[in-house]
Protein backbone atom coordinates (compact mmCIF):
# COMPACT_ATOMS: atom_id res chain seq x y z
CA MET A 1 -27.65 -9.25 9.97
CA TRP A 2 -25.17 -11.83 11.13
CA VAL A 3 -25.29 -15.07 13.08
CA ARG A 4 -22.12 -16.13 14.86
CA VAL A 5 -21.50 -19.38 16.74
CA HIS A 6 -19.09 -19.33 19.68
CA ASP A 7 -18.28 -23.02 19.98
CA PHE A 8 -15.00 -22.31 21.78
CA THR A 9 -16.86 -21.15 24.91
CA GLU A 10 -18.49 -23.31 27.55
CA PRO A 11 -21.39 -23.38 27.13
CA ALA A 12 -21.41 -22.67 23.41
CA THR A 13 -23.47 -19.65 22.37
CA VAL A 14 -25.03 -18.20 19.23
CA ASP A 15 -25.10 -14.42 18.67
CA VAL A 16 -27.55 -12.78 16.29
CA PHE A 17 -26.63 -9.16 15.61
CA ALA A 18 -27.33 -6.32 13.20
CA HIS A 19 -26.24 -2.73 12.67
CA ALA A 20 -28.90 -0.12 13.40
CA VAL A 21 -26.83 3.00 12.64
CA THR A 22 -23.39 3.39 11.07
CA ASP A 23 -21.03 6.38 11.13
CA VAL A 24 -22.66 7.86 14.24
CA PRO A 25 -20.45 9.89 16.57
CA GLU A 26 -20.29 8.94 20.23
CA SER A 27 -21.99 11.37 22.60
CA ALA A 28 -23.19 11.27 26.18
CA ARG A 29 -26.75 11.82 24.94
CA LEU A 30 -26.55 8.87 22.51
CA LEU A 31 -25.10 6.57 25.16
CA ARG A 32 -27.85 7.59 27.62
CA GLU A 33 -30.49 6.73 25.04
CA ILE A 34 -28.87 3.35 24.36
CA ASN A 35 -28.82 2.71 28.11
CA GLU A 36 -32.51 3.60 28.31
CA LEU A 37 -33.25 1.15 25.48
CA ASN A 38 -31.44 -1.61 27.37
CA VAL A 39 -33.32 -0.85 30.58
CA ALA A 40 -36.66 -1.01 28.75
CA SER A 41 -35.83 -4.10 26.66
CA SER A 42 -35.30 -7.58 28.02
CA VAL A 43 -34.26 -8.78 24.57
CA PRO A 44 -32.28 -7.75 22.54
CA THR A 45 -29.43 -5.55 23.80
CA PHE A 46 -28.17 -2.38 22.13
CA TYR A 47 -24.64 -0.96 22.13
CA TRP A 48 -22.38 1.64 20.50
CA SER A 49 -18.95 0.56 19.24
CA GLY A 50 -16.58 2.28 16.83
CA GLY A 51 -19.15 4.54 15.22
CA LEU A 52 -22.06 2.16 15.01
CA VAL A 53 -25.11 1.27 17.05
CA ALA A 54 -25.68 -2.46 17.03
CA VAL A 55 -28.42 -4.78 18.24
CA LYS A 56 -27.58 -8.23 19.62
CA HIS A 57 -29.26 -11.26 21.13
CA SER A 58 -27.32 -14.25 22.48
CA LEU A 59 -28.65 -17.78 22.78
CA LEU A 60 -27.34 -20.99 24.30
CA ALA A 61 -26.33 -23.05 21.27
CA ALA A 62 -27.65 -26.31 22.73
CA SER A 63 -31.19 -24.89 22.83
CA VAL A 64 -31.32 -23.33 19.35
CA ASP A 65 -33.71 -24.74 16.78
CA CYS A 66 -34.75 -23.36 13.38
CA GLU A 67 -37.96 -21.74 14.62
CA GLN A 68 -36.22 -20.01 17.53
CA LEU A 69 -33.43 -18.75 15.28
CA ARG A 70 -36.01 -17.45 12.78
CA ARG A 71 -37.88 -15.56 15.53
CA VAL A 72 -34.69 -14.08 16.99
CA CYS A 73 -33.44 -12.98 13.56
CA GLY A 74 -36.78 -11.29 12.93
CA ALA A 75 -36.75 -9.55 16.32
CA VAL A 76 -33.17 -8.33 15.98
CA GLY A 77 -33.73 -7.11 12.43
CA THR A 78 -36.94 -5.31 13.37
CA ALA A 79 -35.31 -3.69 16.41
CA ALA A 80 -32.30 -2.55 14.35
CA ASP A 81 -34.54 -1.08 11.66
CA HIS A 82 -36.76 0.71 14.17
CA VAL A 83 -33.92 2.10 16.32
CA GLY A 84 -31.87 3.13 13.30
CA THR A 85 -34.79 5.00 11.76
CA LEU A 86 -35.41 6.86 15.04
CA MET A 87 -31.76 7.62 15.88
CA THR A 88 -30.34 8.90 12.59
CA PRO A 89 -32.33 12.16 12.48
CA VAL A 90 -31.30 12.94 16.07
CA TYR A 91 -27.68 11.72 16.28
CA GLY A 92 -26.55 11.55 12.66
CA GLY A 93 -25.10 8.58 10.86
CA THR A 94 -26.88 6.39 8.36
CA THR A 95 -28.97 3.25 8.44
CA PRO A 96 -27.64 0.19 6.60
CA PHE A 97 -30.66 0.30 4.27
CA PRO A 98 -32.61 3.35 3.12
CA PRO A 99 -36.05 3.81 4.69
CA VAL A 100 -38.88 2.26 2.72
CA GLU A 101 -41.90 4.41 1.94
CA VAL A 102 -45.10 2.71 2.95
CA ALA A 103 -48.27 3.46 1.00
CA ARG A 104 -51.24 4.41 3.13
CA ALA A 105 -54.77 3.24 2.43
CA ASP A 106 -55.58 6.63 0.83
CA GLY A 107 -52.78 6.12 -1.71
CA GLU A 108 -50.41 8.66 -0.17
CA SER A 109 -46.91 7.72 0.98
CA LYS A 110 -45.76 8.17 4.53
């Protein structure tokens, strides 16, 4: 995940972004799914660029405080993890981090 400040724009903005899938080929089907994600989501936005699916949220820099930045980083990271895990089996590519096995209450992994 990255945080980038655009202080050369008026008004200044802060972008929080993360890669959901890397090395994924462009296809009409993938782009339709990304469009559907954007229609269903008010925040963050999703896009494909140069072989990767990314997740981004932009904020006005003047309004950013530590708690807001923490929440946005958590939301972007969670969205990237979720979308990446769902997209890679369908469209190919890899997630930036391997999936984590979660132990169920009965001791089995899922």
